[in-house]
C-alpha atoms as a PDB file:
ATOM      1  CA  MET A   1       0.000   0.000   0.000  1.00  0.00           C
ATOM      2  CA  ASN A   2       1.221   3.517  -0.759  1.00  0.00           C
ATOM      3  CA  ARG A   3       2.978   5.128   2.225  1.00  0.00           C
ATOM      4  CA  SER A   4       0.760   8.215   2.205  1.00  0.00           C
ATOM      5  CA  TRP A   5      -2.404   6.130   2.365  1.00  0.00           C
ATOM      6  CA  ILE A   6      -1.010   4.103   5.263  1.00  0.00           C
ATOM      7  CA  ALA A   7      -0.436   7.382   7.096  1.00  0.00           C
ATOM      8  CA  ALA A   8      -3.981   8.511   6.354  1.00  0.00           C
ATOM      9  CA  VAL A   9      -5.474   5.293   7.693  1.00  0.00           C
ATOM     10  CA  LEU A  10      -3.395   5.472  10.877  1.00  0.00           C
ATOM     11  CA  LEU A  11      -4.354   9.068  11.461  1.00  0.00           C
ATOM     12  CA  THR A  12      -8.081   8.487  11.089  1.00  0.00           C
ATOM     13  CA  LEU A  13      -8.406   5.096  12.786  1.00  0.00           C
ATOM     14  CA  LEU A  14      -6.029   5.124  15.768  1.00  0.00           C
ATOM     15  CA  PRO A  15      -6.937   6.922  18.988  1.00  0.00           C
ATOM     16  CA  VAL A  16      -4.999  10.083  19.760  1.00  0.00           C
ATOM     17  CA  SER A  17      -2.928   8.389  22.451  1.00  0.00           C
ATOM     18  CA  ALA A  18      -1.831   5.612  20.091  1.00  0.00           C
ATOM     19  CA  ALA A  19      -1.161   7.570  16.909  1.00  0.00           C
ATOM     20  CA  ALA A  20       2.311   9.018  16.515  1.00  0.00           C
ATOM     21  CA  THR A  21       2.404  12.778  16.134  1.00  0.00           C
ATOM     22  CA  PRO A  22       3.834  13.584  12.679  1.00  0.00           C
ATOM     23  CA  SER A  23       7.116  15.428  12.709  1.00  0.00           C
ATOM     24  CA  CYS A  24       6.874  18.937  11.330  1.00  0.00           C
ATOM     25  CA  GLY A  25       9.623  18.750   8.734  1.00  0.00           C
ATOM     26  CA  GLY A  26      12.429  16.647   7.338  1.00  0.00           C
ATOM     27  CA  GLU A  27      10.597  13.564   6.085  1.00  0.00           C
ATOM     28  CA  PRO A  28      11.685  12.529   2.559  1.00  0.00           C
ATOM     29  CA  GLY A  29       8.780  13.000   0.192  1.00  0.00           C
ATOM     30  CA  TRP A  30       6.893  15.386   2.487  1.00  0.00           C
ATOM     31  CA  ALA A  31       6.725  19.142   2.760  1.00  0.00           C
ATOM     32  CA  SER A  32       5.631  20.793   5.993  1.00  0.00           C
ATOM     33  CA  SER A  33       4.504  23.952   7.717  1.00  0.00           C
ATOM     34  CA  GLU A  34       4.288  24.774  11.414  1.00  0.00           C
ATOM     35  CA  ILE A  35       1.970  27.561  12.567  1.00  0.00           C
ATOM     36  CA  LYS A  36       1.654  29.155  16.025  1.00  0.00           C
ATOM     37  CA  ASP A  37      -0.694  31.984  16.881  1.00  0.00           C
ATOM     38  CA  THR A  38      -3.366  33.410  19.176  1.00  0.00           C
ATOM     39  CA  VAL A  39      -6.739  34.454  17.752  1.00  0.00           C
ATOM     40  CA  SER A  40      -9.642  36.305  19.319  1.00  0.00           C
ATOM     41  CA  HIS A  41     -13.240  35.397  18.612  1.00  0.00           C
ATOM     42  CA  PRO A  42     -14.846  36.099  16.135  1.00  0.00           C
ATOM     43  CA  ASP A  43     -11.725  36.908  14.059  1.00  0.00           C
ATOM     44  CA  GLN A  44     -10.762  34.556  11.232  1.00  0.00           C
ATOM     45  CA  GLY A  45      -7.275  33.073  11.178  1.00  0.00           C
ATOM     46  CA  LEU A  46      -5.527  32.840   7.772  1.00  0.00           C
ATOM     47  CA  TYR A  47      -2.042  31.318   7.437  1.00  0.00           C
ATOM     48  CA  GLU A  48      -0.027  30.425   4.331  1.00  0.00           C
ATOM     49  CA  ALA A  49       0.929  26.757   4.124  1.00  0.00           C
ATOM     50  CA  GLY A  50       2.769  26.146   0.886  1.00  0.00           C
ATOM     51  CA  ALA A  51       0.599  27.259  -1.997  1.00  0.00           C
ATOM     52  CA  GLN A  52      -2.474  26.704   0.196  1.00  0.00           C
ATOM     53  CA  THR A  53      -3.915  28.524   3.211  1.00  0.00           C
ATOM     54  CA  PHE A  54      -4.756  27.041   6.599  1.00  0.00           C
ATOM     55  CA  THR A  55      -7.703  28.828   8.153  1.00  0.00           C
ATOM     56  CA  LEU A  56      -9.835  29.002  11.261  1.00  0.00           C
ATOM     57  CA  PHE A  57     -13.357  29.960  10.184  1.00  0.00           C
ATOM     58  CA  PRO A  58     -15.277  31.659  13.026  1.00  0.00           C
ATOM     59  CA  SER A  59     -18.431  29.880  14.207  1.00  0.00           C
ATOM     60  CA  GLU A  60     -20.992  30.575  16.920  1.00  0.00           C
ATOM     61  CA  PHE A  61     -18.953  29.042  19.732  1.00  0.00           C
ATOM     62  CA  GLY A  62     -15.438  29.075  18.287  1.00  0.00           C
ATOM     63  CA  TRP A  63     -13.885  28.090  14.965  1.00  0.00           C
ATOM     64  CA  ARG A  64     -13.936  25.449  12.239  1.00  0.00           C
ATOM     65  CA  ILE A  65     -10.637  24.126  10.870  1.00  0.00           C
ATOM     66  CA  GLY A  66     -10.325  24.479   7.102  1.00  0.00           C
ATOM     67  CA  MET A  67      -7.951  24.953   4.187  1.00  0.00           C
ATOM     68  CA  LEU A  68      -8.205  26.973   0.987  1.00  0.00           C
ATOM     69  CA  ASP A  69      -6.529  26.425  -2.365  1.00  0.00           C
ATOM     70  CA  ARG A  70      -4.699  29.113  -4.359  1.00  0.00           C
ATOM     71  CA  ASP A  71      -8.048  30.296  -5.789  1.00  0.00           C
ATOM     72  CA  GLY A  72      -9.644  30.688  -2.364  1.00  0.00           C
ATOM     73  CA  LEU A  73     -11.802  27.559  -2.697  1.00  0.00           C
ATOM     74  CA  GLU A  74     -12.175  25.171   0.226  1.00  0.00           C
ATOM     75  CA  ILE A  75     -10.048  22.006   0.147  1.00  0.00           C
ATOM     76  CA  PRO A  76     -11.770  18.791   1.332  1.00  0.00           C
ATOM     77  CA  MET A  77     -11.167  18.011   5.022  1.00  0.00           C
ATOM     78  CA  PHE A  78     -11.765  14.847   7.042  1.00  0.00           C
ATOM     79  CA  ALA A  79     -11.602  14.045  10.754  1.00  0.00           C
ATOM     80  CA  ALA A  80     -13.106  11.035  12.483  1.00  0.00           C
ATOM     81  CA  PRO A  81     -15.675  10.533  13.831  1.00  0.00           C
ATOM     82  CA  LEU A  82     -17.902  12.424  11.420  1.00  0.00           C
ATOM     83  CA  ARG A  83     -20.963  12.311  13.695  1.00  0.00           C
ATOM     84  CA  PRO A  84     -22.162  14.174  15.581  1.00  0.00           C
ATOM     85  CA  VAL A  85     -21.008  17.161  13.561  1.00  0.00           C
ATOM     86  CA  GLU A  86     -20.912  19.453  16.611  1.00  0.00           C
ATOM     87  CA  THR A  87     -18.186  17.346  18.215  1.00  0.00           C
ATOM     88  CA  ASN A  88     -16.258  16.526  15.044  1.00  0.00           C
ATOM     89  CA  PRO A  89     -12.576  17.414  15.692  1.00  0.00           C
ATOM     90  CA  LEU A  90     -12.681  20.029  12.920  1.00  0.00           C
ATOM     91  CA  ASN A  91     -15.125  22.049  15.025  1.00  0.00           C
ATOM     92  CA  ILE A  92     -13.455  23.795  17.961  1.00  0.00           C
ATOM     93  CA  ALA A  93     -16.200  24.997  20.318  1.00  0.00           C
ATOM     94  CA  GLY A  94     -15.890  26.547  23.749  1.00  0.00           C
ATOM     95  CA  TRP A  95     -18.512  24.250  25.265  1.00  0.00           C
ATOM     96  CA  HIS A  96     -16.273  21.252  24.491  1.00  0.00           C
ATOM     97  CA  PHE A  97     -14.261  22.386  27.523  1.00  0.00           C
ATOM     98  CA  ARG A  98     -17.161  22.892  29.966  1.00  0.00           C
ATOM     99  CA  ASN A  99     -19.306  20.416  31.870  1.00  0.00           C
ATOM    100  CA  THR A 100     -22.916  19.686  30.984  1.00  0.00           C
ATOM    101  CA  ASP A 101     -24.446  22.557  32.978  1.00  0.00           C
ATOM    102  CA  ASN A 102     -21.715  25.066  31.966  1.00  0.00           C
ATOM    103  CA  SER A 103     -20.668  25.617  35.566  1.00  0.00           C
ATOM    104  CA  GLY A 104     -17.067  24.421  35.349  1.00  0.00           C
ATOM    105  CA  PRO A 105     -14.477  22.493  33.357  1.00  0.00           C
ATOM    106  CA  ASN A 106     -15.349  19.420  31.315  1.00  0.00           C
ATOM    107  CA  VAL A 107     -14.381  16.481  33.518  1.00  0.00           C
ATOM    108  CA  GLY A 108     -15.518  13.893  31.011  1.00  0.00           C
ATOM    109  CA  ASP A 109     -19.257  14.384  31.215  1.00  0.00           C
ATOM    110  CA  VAL A 110     -19.296  16.116  27.791  1.00  0.00           C
ATOM    111  CA  ASN A 111     -18.088  13.720  25.105  1.00  0.00           C
ATOM    112  CA  ALA A 112     -16.108  16.125  22.908  1.00  0.00           C
ATOM    113  CA  PRO A 113     -12.557  16.320  21.534  1.00  0.00           C
ATOM    114  CA  GLN A 114     -10.137  18.305  23.645  1.00  0.00           C
ATOM    115  CA  GLN A 115      -6.703  19.881  23.074  1.00  0.00           C
ATOM    116  CA  GLU A 116      -5.541  17.807  20.085  1.00  0.00           C
ATOM    117  CA  ARG A 117      -7.385  17.777  16.734  1.00  0.00           C
ATOM    118  CA  ARG A 118      -6.152  15.430  13.973  1.00  0.00           C
ATOM    119  CA  PHE A 119      -7.330  15.633  10.387  1.00  0.00           C
ATOM    120  CA  THR A 120      -6.523  14.914   6.753  1.00  0.00           C
ATOM    121  CA  PHE A 121      -7.004  17.242   3.809  1.00  0.00           C
ATOM    122  CA  GLY A 122      -7.050  17.353   0.029  1.00  0.00           C
ATOM    123  CA  THR A 123      -6.605  14.031  -1.744  1.00  0.00           C
ATOM    124  CA  MET A 124      -6.141  12.232   1.580  1.00  0.00           C
ATOM    125  CA  ALA A 125      -9.452  13.486   3.043  1.00  0.00           C
ATOM    126  CA  THR A 126     -11.438  10.275   2.732  1.00  0.00           C
ATOM    127  CA  ASP A 127     -13.183   8.098   5.282  1.00  0.00           C
ATOM    128  CA  PRO A 128     -11.631   4.611   4.868  1.00  0.00           C
ATOM    129  CA  LEU A 129     -14.517   3.010   6.748  1.00  0.00           C
ATOM    130  CA  ASN A 130     -17.088   4.281   4.254  1.00  0.00           C
ATOM    131  CA  ASN A 131     -14.850   4.211   1.166  1.00  0.00           C
ATOM    132  CA  PRO A 132     -12.361   1.334   1.588  1.00  0.00           C
ATOM    133  CA  GLU A 133     -11.660   1.296  -2.139  1.00  0.00           C
ATOM    134  CA  LEU A 134     -10.125   4.768  -1.851  1.00  0.00           C
ATOM    135  CA  VAL A 135      -7.530   3.668   0.707  1.00  0.00           C
ATOM    136  CA  ALA A 136      -5.519   1.763  -1.904  1.00  0.00           C
ATOM    137  CA  PRO A 137      -6.764   3.060  -5.242  1.00  0.00           C
ATOM    138  CA  SER A 138      -5.774   1.206  -8.398  1.00  0.00           C
ATOM    139  CA  VAL A 139      -4.958   4.574  -9.976  1.00  0.00           C
ATOM    140  CA  PRO A 140      -2.862   6.919  -7.794  1.00  0.00           C
ATOM    141  CA  VAL A 141      -4.719  10.029  -6.699  1.00  0.00           C
ATOM    142  CA  GLU A 142      -2.951  13.189  -7.828  1.00  0.00           C
ATOM    143  CA  GLY A 143      -3.008  16.571  -6.196  1.00  0.00           C
ATOM    144  CA  PHE A 144      -2.411  18.258  -2.875  1.00  0.00           C
ATOM    145  CA  GLY A 145      -3.077  16.092   0.163  1.00  0.00           C
ATOM    146  CA  GLY A 146      -1.733  15.608   3.643  1.00  0.00           C
ATOM    147  CA  LEU A 147      -2.146  15.353   7.395  1.00  0.00           C
ATOM    148  CA  GLY A 148      -2.542  17.894  10.168  1.00  0.00           C
ATOM    149  CA  VAL A 149      -2.575  18.176  13.942  1.00  0.00           C
ATOM    150  CA  LEU A 150      -3.877  21.276  15.729  1.00  0.00           C
ATOM    151  CA  THR A 151      -2.939  21.514  19.416  1.00  0.00           C
ATOM    152  CA  ILE A 152      -4.730  23.972  21.709  1.00  0.00           C
ATOM    153  CA  ARG A 153      -2.083  25.547  23.965  1.00  0.00           C
ATOM    154  CA  ASP A 154      -4.273  27.931  25.905  1.00  0.00           C
ATOM    155  CA  HIS A 155      -7.757  29.428  25.723  1.00  0.00           C
ATOM    156  CA  THR A 156     -10.295  31.696  27.410  1.00  0.00           C
ATOM    157  CA  LEU A 157     -14.042  31.120  27.462  1.00  0.00           C
ATOM    158  CA  THR A 158     -17.138  33.171  28.128  1.00  0.00           C
ATOM    159  CA  PRO A 159     -18.126  33.176  31.836  1.00  0.00           C
ATOM    160  CA  PRO A 160     -19.994  30.117  33.147  1.00  0.00           C
ATOM    161  CA  GLU A 161     -23.750  30.617  32.812  1.00  0.00           C
ATOM    162  CA  GLN A 162     -26.161  27.803  33.473  1.00  0.00           C
ATOM    163  CA  GLY A 163     -28.388  26.938  30.561  1.00  0.00           C
ATOM    164  CA  LYS A 164     -26.060  28.429  27.946  1.00  0.00           C
ATOM    165  CA  ARG A 165     -23.170  27.061  25.958  1.00  0.00           C
ATOM    166  CA  ALA A 166     -19.678  28.443  26.451  1.00  0.00           C
ATOM    167  CA  ALA A 167     -17.906  30.142  23.552  1.00  0.00           C
ATOM    168  CA  PHE A 168     -14.263  30.951  23.034  1.00  0.00           C
ATOM    169  CA  THR A 169     -13.035  34.489  23.549  1.00  0.00           C
ATOM    170  CA  SER A 170      -9.439  33.631  22.614  1.00  0.00           C
ATOM    171  CA  LEU A 171      -7.440  30.625  21.446  1.00  0.00           C
ATOM    172  CA  SER A 172      -3.687  29.991  21.459  1.00  0.00           C
ATOM    173  CA  PHE A 173      -2.715  27.073  19.260  1.00  0.00           C
ATOM    174  CA  SER A 174      -0.065  25.391  17.145  1.00  0.00           C
ATOM    175  CA  VAL A 175      -0.612  23.464  13.921  1.00  0.00           C
ATOM    176  CA  CYS A 176       1.657  21.002  12.161  1.00  0.00           C
ATOM    177  CA  LEU A 177       0.783  20.321   8.526  1.00  0.00           C
ATOM    178  CA  ILE A 178       2.627  17.788   6.391  1.00  0.00           C
ATOM    179  CA  TRP A 179       1.780  17.020   2.784  1.00  0.00           C
ATOM    180  CA  GLN A 180       3.015  15.089  -0.214  1.00  0.00           C
ATOM    181  CA  GLY A 181       5.693  17.480  -1.346  1.00  0.00           C
ATOM    182  CA  GLY A 182       8.449  15.759  -3.306  1.00  0.00           C
ATOM    183  CA  GLY A 183      12.137  15.403  -2.617  1.00  0.00           C
ATOM    184  CA  ASP A 184      14.118  15.194   0.592  1.00  0.00           C
ATOM    185  CA  ARG A 185      13.586  18.405   2.595  1.00  0.00           C
ATOM    186  CA  LEU A 186      12.222  20.190  -0.467  1.00  0.00           C
ATOM    187  CA  ASP A 187       8.946  22.027  -0.774  1.00  0.00           C
ATOM    188  CA  PRO A 188       8.208  22.187  -4.523  1.00  0.00           C
ATOM    189  CA  ILE A 189       4.654  23.324  -3.855  1.00  0.00           C
ATOM    190  CA  VAL A 190       6.035  26.497  -2.281  1.00  0.00           C
ATOM    191  CA  ASP A 191       8.968  26.974  -4.653  1.00  0.00           C
ATOM    192  CA  ALA A 192       7.194  26.305  -7.948  1.00  0.00           C
ATOM    193  CA  ASP A 193       3.799  26.318  -9.617  1.00  0.00           C
ATOM    194  CA  PRO A 194       2.234  22.846 -10.022  1.00  0.00           C
ATOM    195  CA  GLY A 195       3.183  22.534 -13.695  1.00  0.00           C
ATOM    196  CA  VAL A 196       6.882  22.845 -12.954  1.00  0.00           C
ATOM    197  CA  ALA A 197       7.055  21.478  -9.400  1.00  0.00           C
ATOM    198  CA  PHE A 198       9.083  18.400 -10.300  1.00  0.00           C
ATOM    199  CA  ASP A 199      11.607  17.263  -7.706  1.00  0.00           C
ATOM    200  CA  ALA A 200      14.541  17.293 -10.149  1.00  0.00           C
ATOM    201  CA  VAL A 201      13.748  20.783 -11.453  1.00  0.00           C
ATOM    202  CA  VAL A 202      13.358  22.327  -7.999  1.00  0.00           C
ATOM    203  CA  ALA A 203      16.448  20.578  -6.632  1.00  0.00           C
ATOM    204  CA  THR A 204      18.554  21.536  -9.650  1.00  0.00           C
ATOM    205  CA  MET A 205      17.563  25.213  -9.602  1.00  0.00           C
ATOM    206  CA  ARG A 206      18.062  25.548  -5.876  1.00  0.00           C
ATOM    207  CA  GLY A 207      21.400  23.761  -6.105  1.00  0.00           C
ATOM    208  CA  CYS A 208      22.381  26.109  -8.914  1.00  0.00           C
ATOM    209  CA  GLY A 209      21.811  29.096  -6.636  1.00  0.00           C
ATOM    210  CA  LEU A 210      18.225  30.203  -7.281  1.00  0.00           C
ATOM    211  CA  ASP A 211      16.967  31.953  -4.145  1.00  0.00           C
ATOM    212  CA  THR A 212      13.431  30.599  -3.818  1.00  0.00           C
ATOM    213  CA  SER A 213      12.647  33.147  -1.112  1.00  0.00           C
ATOM    214  CA  VAL A 214      13.042  35.827  -3.814  1.00  0.00           C
ATOM    215  CA  PHE A 215      11.913  33.960  -6.954  1.00  0.00           C
ATOM    216  CA  LYS A 216       9.207  31.372  -7.565  1.00  0.00           C
ATOM    217  CA  MET A 217       9.396  29.029 -10.540  1.00  0.00           C
ATOM    218  CA  SER A 218       6.454  29.575 -12.878  1.00  0.00           C
ATOM    219  CA  ASP A 219       4.568  27.148 -15.116  1.00  0.00           C
ATOM    220  CA  ARG A 220       3.290  29.920 -17.403  1.00  0.00           C
ATOM    221  CA  MET A 221       5.004  28.496 -20.516  1.00  0.00           C
ATOM    222  CA  SER A 222       2.975  25.287 -20.179  1.00  0.00           C
ATOM    223  CA  LYS A 223      -0.278  27.208 -20.627  1.00  0.00           C
ATOM    224  CA  GLY A 224       0.111  28.748 -24.068  1.00  0.00           C
ATOM    225  CA  ARG A 225      -0.533  27.358 -27.514  1.00  0.00           C
ATOM    226  CA  GLU A 226      -1.882  23.811 -27.258  1.00  0.00           C
ATOM    227  CA  GLY A 227       0.621  21.090 -28.047  1.00  0.00           C
ATOM    228  CA  ALA A 228       3.556  23.489 -28.245  1.00  0.00           C
ATOM    229  CA  GLN A 229       4.449  23.957 -24.596  1.00  0.00           C
ATOM    230  CA  ARG A 230       6.782  22.667 -21.951  1.00  0.00           C
ATOM    231  CA  PRO A 231       7.104  24.136 -18.456  1.00  0.00           C
ATOM    232  CA  PHE A 232      10.911  24.128 -18.783  1.00  0.00           C
ATOM    233  CA  LEU A 233      13.533  23.610 -21.506  1.00  0.00           C
ATOM    234  CA  GLU A 234      16.875  21.786 -21.545  1.00  0.00           C
ATOM    235  CA  PRO A 235      19.055  23.457 -24.197  1.00  0.00           C
ATOM    236  CA  ASP A 236      22.855  23.487 -24.171  1.00  0.00           C
ATOM    237  CA  MET A 237      23.111  27.233 -23.604  1.00  0.00           C
ATOM    238  CA  ASP A 238      26.901  27.437 -23.127  1.00  0.00           C
ATOM    239  CA  GLY A 239      28.046  24.941 -25.765  1.00  0.00           C
ATOM    240  CA  ASP A 240      29.700  22.460 -23.398  1.00  0.00           C
ATOM    241  CA  ASN A 241      27.590  19.530 -24.695  1.00  0.00           C
ATOM    242  CA  ILE A 242      25.761  19.277 -21.365  1.00  0.00           C
ATOM    243  CA  PRO A 243      22.030  20.085 -21.399  1.00  0.00           C
ATOM    244  CA  ASP A 244      21.245  23.051 -19.184  1.00  0.00           C
ATOM    245  CA  LEU A 245      17.945  24.003 -17.540  1.00  0.00           C
ATOM    246  CA  VAL A 246      15.809  27.057 -18.362  1.00  0.00           C
ATOM    247  CA  VAL A 247      12.779  27.796 -16.168  1.00  0.00           C
ATOM    248  CA  PRO A 248      10.441  30.827 -16.119  1.00  0.00           C
ATOM    249  CA  VAL A 249      10.428  32.612 -12.769  1.00  0.00           C
ATOM    250  CA  ILE A 250       8.431  35.309 -11.018  1.00  0.00           C
ATOM    251  CA  ARG A 251       9.990  37.719  -8.541  1.00  0.00           C
ATOM    252  CA  ARG A 252       7.861  37.413  -5.427  1.00  0.00           C
ATOM    253  CA  ASN A 253       7.820  41.056  -4.292  1.00  0.00           C
ATOM    254  CA  ASP A 254       6.548  42.558  -7.557  1.00  0.00           C
ATOM    255  CA  ALA A 255       5.570  39.601  -9.817  1.00  0.00           C
ATOM    256  CA  ALA A 256       8.182  40.671 -12.409  1.00  0.00           C
ATOM    257  CA  PRO A 257       8.738  37.865 -14.952  1.00  0.00           C
ATOM    258  CA  GLY A 258      12.093  36.471 -15.993  1.00  0.00           C
ATOM    259  CA  LEU A 259      14.010  33.328 -16.861  1.00  0.00           C
ATOM    260  CA  ALA A 260      16.400  31.369 -14.676  1.00  0.00           C
ATOM    261  CA  ILE A 261      19.139  29.573 -16.607  1.00  0.00           C
ATOM    262  CA  CYS A 262      21.136  26.916 -14.778  1.00  0.00           C
ATOM    263  CA  LEU A 263      24.371  26.048 -16.599  1.00  0.00           C
ATOM    264  CA  ILE A 264      24.727  22.494 -15.357  1.00  0.00           C
ATOM    265  CA  GLY A 265      28.367  21.910 -16.286  1.00  0.00           C
ATOM    266  CA  LYS A 266      29.489  25.202 -14.741  1.00  0.00           C
ATOM    267  CA  GLU A 267      27.056  25.043 -11.794  1.00  0.00           C
ATOM    268  CA  THR A 268      26.282  28.667 -12.599  1.00  0.00           C
ATOM    269  CA  LEU A 269      22.960  30.521 -12.430  1.00  0.00           C
ATOM    270  CA  VAL A 270      22.192  33.197 -15.025  1.00  0.00           C
ATOM    271  CA  MET A 271      19.081  35.344 -14.583  1.00  0.00           C
ATOM    272  CA  ALA A 272      17.387  36.979 -17.567  1.00  0.00           C
ATOM    273  CA  GLY A 273      14.968  39.878 -17.268  1.00  0.00           C
ATOM    274  CA  TYR A 274      16.011  41.674 -14.105  1.00  0.00           C
ATOM    275  CA  ASP A 275      18.595  44.082 -15.510  1.00  0.00           C
ATOM    276  CA  GLY A 276      16.456  46.048 -17.947  1.00  0.00           C
ATOM    277  CA  ARG A 277      16.130  45.524 -21.697  1.00  0.00           C
ATOM    278  CA  ILE A 278      17.798  42.432 -23.147  1.00  0.00           C
ATOM    279  CA  GLY A 279      19.625  43.239 -26.353  1.00  0.00           C
ATOM    280  CA  ARG A 280      18.253  46.094 -28.486  1.00  0.00           C
ATOM    281  CA  HIS A 281      14.525  45.389 -28.450  1.00  0.00           C
ATOM    282  CA  LEU A 282      13.504  42.761 -25.884  1.00  0.00           C
ATOM    283  CA  ASP A 283      11.527  44.156 -22.956  1.00  0.00           C
ATOM    284  CA  PRO A 284      11.297  41.516 -20.160  1.00  0.00           C
ATOM    285  CA  ALA A 285       7.518  42.099 -20.065  1.00  0.00           C
ATOM    286  CA  TYR A 286       7.473  39.962 -23.240  1.00  0.00           C
ATOM    287  CA  PHE A 287       8.051  36.920 -21.023  1.00  0.00           C
ATOM    288  CA  ASN A 288       4.504  37.337 -19.731  1.00  0.00           C
ATOM    289  CA  SER A 289       2.887  37.564 -23.170  1.00  0.00           C
ATOM    290  CA  ALA A 290       4.847  34.908 -25.112  1.00  0.00           C
ATOM    291  CA  ASP A 291       2.633  31.900 -25.813  1.00  0.00           C
ATOM    292  CA  HIS A 292       5.189  29.406 -27.082  1.00  0.00           C
ATOM    293  CA  TRP A 293       8.865  28.593 -26.779  1.00  0.00           C
ATOM    294  CA  ASN A 294      11.330  26.022 -28.020  1.00  0.00           C
ATOM    295  CA  ILE A 295      15.030  25.256 -28.261  1.00  0.00           C
ATOM    296  CA  HIS A 296      16.655  26.977 -31.238  1.00  0.00           C
ATOM    297  CA  THR A 297      19.662  25.339 -32.891  1.00  0.00           C
ATOM    298  CA  GLY A 298      21.629  26.314 -35.945  1.00  0.00           C
ATOM    299  CA  GLN A 299      21.496  29.473 -38.029  1.00  0.00           C
ATOM    300  CA  VAL A 300      19.746  32.692 -37.010  1.00  0.00           C
ATOM    301  CA  TYR A 301      18.295  34.447 -40.055  1.00  0.00           C
ATOM    302  CA  GLN A 302      18.445  38.156 -40.757  1.00  0.00           C
ATOM    303  CA  ALA A 303      15.547  40.170 -39.330  1.00  0.00           C
ATOM    304  CA  THR A 304      14.198  43.365 -40.855  1.00  0.00           C
ATOM    305  CA  GLU A 305      14.685  45.647 -37.861  1.00  0.00           C
ATOM    306  CA  GLU A 306      17.865  44.161 -36.446  1.00  0.00           C
ATOM    307  CA  GLY A 307      21.507  44.233 -37.408  1.00  0.00           C
ATOM    308  CA  PRO A 308      23.503  41.194 -38.491  1.00  0.00           C
ATOM    309  CA  PRO A 309      22.269  38.004 -36.782  1.00  0.00           C
ATOM    310  CA  PRO A 310      24.469  36.347 -34.166  1.00  0.00           C
ATOM    311  CA  ILE A 311      26.506  33.297 -35.080  1.00  0.00           C
ATOM    312  CA  LEU A 312      25.634  30.837 -32.371  1.00  0.00           C
ATOM    313  CA  SER A 313      28.063  28.306 -30.976  1.00  0.00           C
ATOM    314  CA  ALA A 314      25.458  26.880 -28.593  1.00  0.00           C
ATOM    315  CA  ASP A 315      21.707  26.449 -28.335  1.00  0.00           C
ATOM    316  CA  ALA A 316      19.334  29.358 -27.814  1.00  0.00           C
ATOM    317  CA  VAL A 317      15.738  29.790 -26.675  1.00  0.00           C
ATOM    318  CA  ASN A 318      13.103  30.986 -29.123  1.00  0.00           C
ATOM    319  CA  LEU A 319      10.084  32.728 -27.534  1.00  0.00           C
ATOM    320  CA  GLY A 320       7.135  33.950 -29.528  1.00  0.00           C
ATOM    321  CA  LYS A 321       3.535  35.005 -29.884  1.00  0.00           C
ATOM    322  CA  GLU A 322       1.565  33.043 -32.434  1.00  0.00           C
ATOM    323  CA  ASP A 323       1.208  34.915 -35.769  1.00  0.00           C
ATOM    324  CA  SER A 324       2.810  37.976 -34.170  1.00  0.00           C
ATOM    325  CA  SER A 325       6.463  38.008 -33.137  1.00  0.00           C
ATOM    326  CA  SER A 326       9.378  35.984 -31.853  1.00  0.00           C
ATOM    327  CA  VAL A 327      12.798  36.554 -30.332  1.00  0.00           C
ATOM    328  CA  ILE A 328      15.959  34.497 -29.974  1.00  0.00           C
ATOM    329  CA  LEU A 329      17.482  34.542 -26.476  1.00  0.00           C
ATOM    330  CA  TYR A 330      21.108  33.419 -26.206  1.00  0.00           C
ATOM    331  CA  LEU A 331      24.251  33.719 -24.087  1.00  0.00           C
ATOM    332  CA  MET A 332      27.296  35.771 -25.002  1.00  0.00           C
ATOM    333  CA  PRO A 333      30.781  34.302 -24.347  1.00  0.00           C
ATOM    334  CA  ASP A 334      30.893  36.178 -21.024  1.00  0.00           C
ATOM    335  CA  LEU A 335      27.537  34.557 -20.089  1.00  0.00           C
ATOM    336  CA  THR A 336      25.533  37.763 -20.305  1.00  0.00           C
ATOM    337  CA  VAL A 337      22.104  37.317 -21.887  1.00  0.00           C
ATOM    338  CA  SER A 338      21.363  38.875 -25.278  1.00  0.00           C
ATOM    339  CA  SER A 339      18.576  38.661 -27.823  1.00  0.00           C
ATOM    340  CA  TYR A 340      17.850  38.935 -31.505  1.00  0.00           C
ATOM    341  CA  TRP A 341      14.371  40.218 -32.352  1.00  0.00           C
ATOM    342  CA  GLN A 342      12.674  38.339 -35.154  1.00  0.00           C
ATOM    343  CA  GLY A 343      10.114  41.070 -35.727  1.00  0.00           C
ATOM    344  CA  ASP A 344       6.385  41.628 -35.433  1.00  0.00           C
END
C-alpha cells in the first residue's frame, strides 16, 4: 500500500494516544509547515501553508478548521468521527471544555474532543470506513493532500452561565501540517507552480543558486498554444555539450517575470529579465505575453529591424507570440544574456 495512504489510515483510525504525532519537517517526500498563533473570537485566522492557506473559520462558539486552495476555494477536510457534527474534531467549540451545565471544566461528562485535533485534507481526506476502495486506489490520486494536527495551547471562554453554551473568547494554538511534497527536505509546492514542481527541477535550480525566497518558478510556458508547450527547456546554452535548464520565474515582491538559466556543467545561475532591456529590443515584459517557446539550434536568419544576426556556438531559446512576433534569447561568451528580435 502507498505510504501516504497508510499514514492517512493510521491518522483516522487510531486513537490520539496511540497515533504518533507527525514530525513537522524533514521527512523525505513530504513538505511541511508549522503555525503558532493566538486568535480572538470572532476573528478569522488565515495562514499560508505552501501554496495553500490554513484557516480558522469563526463559528458561533469558536472556529472550524479548514484549508483553501490558491483560488480561495475550500479544500476537502476529514476528521473522524464524522458524527455528531458538533463534536467533530474540525469544530473547535468553547462548550467542548465545559461540563454539561456550563458551571465548570469538562471532567468527562461532555463527550467532545479536547486539546488535540487530527485531520486529513485534500486528496487524503477520505473516510476509509465508508470508502475502503479509496484507501488503496488502483490509480494513484494526484493533487495536494496531507495530514494535520492542531494543538490547543491555551484558551479563554465566556463566563460560566447555566443553561447556555460556552464560547471561546481567545485561542492559542499550534498546527503542524505535512503534505506530499516531493524530494528530501524540499517544498516544490512552495517553490514552484504545479506545472513545474518536479523534484529534479526544484532541486537543480536551488542547487544552482536560485533563491526561492526571492523567486518562484512559474509554469506559465505550459499554458500557451496547445501542443507546443513545456514548463521548462533543456538546451545546451553554453556549448559544453551538457544540457542546461531554463525555467520561467516570477519575482515574489513585484511579480516581475524572468528566466532562470542553470548552466549544469558550470554550476552557474544566469538570470534573464532583471537588468532592464535584453539586447536592443527585448523588454522583459514579453516573457509574460509569449505563448510558445522552443530550443533553437543552428542558423539565425536576418531580421528586418535588427543588425547582423548572431553566429551561435550553442543552443538558444526561441520565444514567440503566435502569428505575431518571436525573439531568440542566447548567451554571449561572457555569459551575459542577449537577444535577436525576429520582428512583429
